[in-house]
Amino acid sequence: IAQPVIAWAIGGPLLGYDGGDLFAIVVTSALPTAQNVYIYSMQYRQSEALMRDAVFITTVLSVPALVIIAALLG
């Protein structure tokens, strides 16, 4: 929740982006990043099941955030 809000605050009022540009900035910041951690866990054979679950959970949780962002900025 914090990262998209921070991206909006920096991209909008501070840097002056609006419309589609601000929407892209905020949506990109709301996407899950657990896939990168999963790739590292596979490479080093550490906690693969935990990382797989983290990817799933963060992806599912990002959907409501993306819907809210689209409703507010779209």
N, C-alpha and C. Protein backbone atom coordinates (compact mmCIF):
# COMPACT_ATOMS: atom_id res chain seq x y z
N ILE A 1 0.84 -1.19 0.00
CA ILE A 1 0.00 0.00 0.00
C ILE A 1 0.88 1.25 0.00
N ALA A 2 1.95 1.21 0.74
CA ALA A 2 2.79 2.40 0.88
C ALA A 2 3.50 2.76 -0.42
N GLN A 3 4.00 1.77 -1.13
CA GLN A 3 4.80 2.06 -2.32
C GLN A 3 4.00 2.78 -3.41
N PRO A 4 2.77 2.35 -3.75
CA PRO A 4 2.02 3.12 -4.74
C PRO A 4 1.65 4.53 -4.27
N VAL A 5 1.39 4.68 -2.97
CA VAL A 5 1.07 6.01 -2.44
C VAL A 5 2.29 6.92 -2.54
N ILE A 6 3.44 6.39 -2.22
CA ILE A 6 4.68 7.17 -2.33
C ILE A 6 4.96 7.53 -3.80
N ALA A 7 4.74 6.55 -4.69
CA ALA A 7 4.94 6.81 -6.13
C ALA A 7 4.00 7.90 -6.61
N TRP A 8 2.74 7.87 -6.15
CA TRP A 8 1.79 8.92 -6.53
C TRP A 8 2.24 10.28 -5.99
N ALA A 9 2.66 10.30 -4.73
CA ALA A 9 3.05 11.57 -4.11
C ALA A 9 4.27 12.18 -4.79
N ILE A 10 5.21 11.35 -5.18
CA ILE A 10 6.42 11.86 -5.84
C ILE A 10 6.12 12.19 -7.31
N GLY A 11 5.43 11.28 -7.98
CA GLY A 11 5.17 11.49 -9.41
C GLY A 11 4.19 12.60 -9.69
N GLY A 12 3.17 12.74 -8.85
CA GLY A 12 2.14 13.76 -9.08
C GLY A 12 2.55 15.13 -8.61
N PRO A 13 2.39 15.41 -7.32
CA PRO A 13 2.67 16.76 -6.81
C PRO A 13 4.13 17.21 -6.97
N LEU A 14 5.07 16.32 -6.73
CA LEU A 14 6.48 16.74 -6.76
C LEU A 14 7.02 16.90 -8.18
N LEU A 15 6.78 15.90 -9.03
CA LEU A 15 7.36 15.93 -10.38
C LEU A 15 6.39 16.44 -11.45
N GLY A 16 5.12 16.56 -11.10
CA GLY A 16 4.16 17.14 -12.03
C GLY A 16 3.58 16.22 -13.08
N TYR A 17 3.72 14.92 -12.93
CA TYR A 17 3.11 14.00 -13.89
C TYR A 17 1.61 13.95 -13.65
N ASP A 18 0.86 13.71 -14.72
CA ASP A 18 -0.57 13.52 -14.57
C ASP A 18 -1.06 12.58 -15.66
N GLY A 19 -2.33 12.23 -15.63
CA GLY A 19 -2.93 11.39 -16.66
C GLY A 19 -2.29 10.02 -16.76
N GLY A 20 -2.05 9.61 -17.99
CA GLY A 20 -1.51 8.29 -18.26
C GLY A 20 -0.12 8.05 -17.70
N ASP A 21 0.68 9.10 -17.67
CA ASP A 21 2.03 8.96 -17.12
C ASP A 21 2.00 8.64 -15.63
N LEU A 22 1.19 9.37 -14.89
CA LEU A 22 1.08 9.13 -13.45
C LEU A 22 0.45 7.77 -13.19
N PHE A 23 -0.54 7.40 -13.99
CA PHE A 23 -1.17 6.09 -13.87
C PHE A 23 -0.14 4.98 -14.05
N ALA A 24 0.71 5.08 -15.07
CA ALA A 24 1.74 4.07 -15.33
C ALA A 24 2.75 3.98 -14.17
N ILE A 25 3.13 5.11 -13.63
CA ILE A 25 4.07 5.13 -12.51
C ILE A 25 3.49 4.41 -11.31
N VAL A 26 2.25 4.72 -10.97
CA VAL A 26 1.62 4.15 -9.78
C VAL A 26 1.33 2.66 -9.97
N VAL A 27 0.84 2.28 -11.15
CA VAL A 27 0.56 0.86 -11.40
C VAL A 27 1.84 0.04 -11.36
N THR A 28 2.90 0.54 -11.94
CA THR A 28 4.18 -0.17 -11.93
C THR A 28 4.69 -0.36 -10.51
N SER A 29 4.49 0.62 -9.68
CA SER A 29 4.95 0.50 -8.29
C SER A 29 4.10 -0.47 -7.48
N ALA A 30 2.87 -0.76 -7.95
CA ALA A 30 1.99 -1.67 -7.22
C ALA A 30 2.17 -3.13 -7.62
N LEU A 31 2.92 -3.38 -8.67
CA LEU A 31 3.11 -4.76 -9.12
C LEU A 31 3.99 -5.54 -8.13
N PRO A 32 3.73 -6.83 -7.98
CA PRO A 32 4.53 -7.63 -7.04
C PRO A 32 5.96 -7.83 -7.54
N THR A 33 6.91 -7.87 -6.61
CA THR A 33 8.31 -8.08 -6.98
C THR A 33 8.84 -9.42 -6.47
N ALA A 34 7.98 -10.25 -5.95
CA ALA A 34 8.42 -11.51 -5.38
C ALA A 34 8.99 -12.47 -6.42
N GLN A 35 8.66 -12.27 -7.70
CA GLN A 35 9.19 -13.15 -8.74
C GLN A 35 10.71 -13.11 -8.77
N ASN A 36 11.30 -11.96 -8.54
CA ASN A 36 12.76 -11.85 -8.53
C ASN A 36 13.35 -12.67 -7.40
N VAL A 37 12.73 -12.63 -6.25
CA VAL A 37 13.21 -13.42 -5.11
C VAL A 37 13.07 -14.90 -5.41
N TYR A 38 11.99 -15.28 -6.07
CA TYR A 38 11.78 -16.68 -6.42
C TYR A 38 12.87 -17.20 -7.36
N ILE A 39 13.27 -16.39 -8.31
CA ILE A 39 14.34 -16.79 -9.23
C ILE A 39 15.64 -17.04 -8.48
N TYR A 40 15.96 -16.15 -7.52
CA TYR A 40 17.16 -16.37 -6.71
C TYR A 40 17.05 -17.62 -5.87
N SER A 41 15.89 -17.88 -5.30
CA SER A 41 15.73 -19.07 -4.47
C SER A 41 15.86 -20.34 -5.30
N MET A 42 15.39 -20.31 -6.54
CA MET A 42 15.55 -21.48 -7.41
C MET A 42 17.01 -21.67 -7.78
N GLN A 43 17.70 -20.58 -8.06
CA GLN A 43 19.09 -20.67 -8.47
C GLN A 43 19.96 -21.25 -7.36
N TYR A 44 19.70 -20.83 -6.11
CA TYR A 44 20.52 -21.27 -4.99
C TYR A 44 19.87 -22.40 -4.19
N ARG A 45 18.72 -22.91 -4.69
CA ARG A 45 18.03 -24.06 -4.08
C ARG A 45 17.73 -23.82 -2.60
N GLN A 46 17.20 -22.66 -2.28
CA GLN A 46 16.85 -22.29 -0.91
C GLN A 46 15.40 -21.83 -0.83
N SER A 47 14.64 -22.42 0.06
CA SER A 47 13.26 -22.00 0.37
C SER A 47 12.39 -21.80 -0.87
N GLU A 48 12.46 -22.74 -1.80
CA GLU A 48 11.70 -22.60 -3.04
C GLU A 48 10.20 -22.61 -2.80
N ALA A 49 9.73 -23.48 -1.92
CA ALA A 49 8.29 -23.55 -1.64
C ALA A 49 7.79 -22.26 -1.00
N LEU A 50 8.56 -21.72 -0.08
CA LEU A 50 8.19 -20.46 0.58
C LEU A 50 8.13 -19.33 -0.44
N MET A 51 9.08 -19.26 -1.32
CA MET A 51 9.10 -18.20 -2.32
C MET A 51 7.98 -18.38 -3.34
N ARG A 52 7.68 -19.62 -3.70
CA ARG A 52 6.58 -19.88 -4.61
C ARG A 52 5.27 -19.36 -4.01
N ASP A 53 5.07 -19.63 -2.72
CA ASP A 53 3.88 -19.14 -2.04
C ASP A 53 3.87 -17.62 -1.95
N ALA A 54 5.02 -17.03 -1.73
CA ALA A 54 5.11 -15.57 -1.66
C ALA A 54 4.75 -14.93 -2.99
N VAL A 55 5.18 -15.53 -4.10
CA VAL A 55 4.83 -15.02 -5.42
C VAL A 55 3.32 -15.08 -5.61
N PHE A 56 2.72 -16.20 -5.24
CA PHE A 56 1.28 -16.36 -5.39
C PHE A 56 0.51 -15.34 -4.55
N ILE A 57 0.88 -15.22 -3.29
CA ILE A 57 0.17 -14.33 -2.38
C ILE A 57 0.30 -12.87 -2.81
N THR A 58 1.52 -12.45 -3.14
CA THR A 58 1.69 -11.04 -3.53
C THR A 58 1.01 -10.73 -4.86
N THR A 59 0.94 -11.70 -5.74
CA THR A 59 0.24 -11.49 -7.01
C THR A 59 -1.25 -11.35 -6.77
N VAL A 60 -1.80 -12.22 -5.93
CA VAL A 60 -3.24 -12.14 -5.62
C VAL A 60 -3.55 -10.83 -4.91
N LEU A 61 -2.69 -10.42 -3.98
CA LEU A 61 -2.94 -9.19 -3.24
C LEU A 61 -2.75 -7.93 -4.09
N SER A 62 -2.01 -8.03 -5.17
CA SER A 62 -1.81 -6.85 -6.01
C SER A 62 -3.04 -6.55 -6.86
N VAL A 63 -3.88 -7.53 -7.10
CA VAL A 63 -5.06 -7.31 -7.95
C VAL A 63 -6.00 -6.26 -7.36
N PRO A 64 -6.39 -6.35 -6.08
CA PRO A 64 -7.24 -5.28 -5.53
C PRO A 64 -6.57 -3.91 -5.57
N ALA A 65 -5.28 -3.88 -5.34
CA ALA A 65 -4.57 -2.60 -5.39
C ALA A 65 -4.62 -2.02 -6.80
N LEU A 66 -4.45 -2.84 -7.81
CA LEU A 66 -4.50 -2.37 -9.19
C LEU A 66 -5.90 -1.89 -9.56
N VAL A 67 -6.93 -2.58 -9.07
CA VAL A 67 -8.31 -2.17 -9.33
C VAL A 67 -8.59 -0.80 -8.68
N ILE A 68 -8.14 -0.63 -7.46
CA ILE A 68 -8.33 0.66 -6.75
C ILE A 68 -7.59 1.78 -7.48
N ILE A 69 -6.36 1.50 -7.90
CA ILE A 69 -5.58 2.52 -8.63
C ILE A 69 -6.28 2.89 -9.93
N ALA A 70 -6.79 1.88 -10.66
CA ALA A 70 -7.49 2.16 -11.91
C ALA A 70 -8.75 2.99 -11.65
N ALA A 71 -9.46 2.71 -10.56
CA ALA A 71 -10.66 3.47 -10.25
C ALA A 71 -10.33 4.92 -9.89
N LEU A 72 -9.23 5.12 -9.17
CA LEU A 72 -8.88 6.46 -8.73
C LEU A 72 -8.20 7.30 -9.81
N LEU A 73 -7.34 6.67 -10.60
CA LEU A 73 -6.55 7.44 -11.57
C LEU A 73 -6.96 7.20 -13.03
N GLY A 74 -7.69 6.12 -13.27
CA GLY A 74 -8.02 5.73 -14.65
C GLY A 74 -9.10 6.45 -15.23
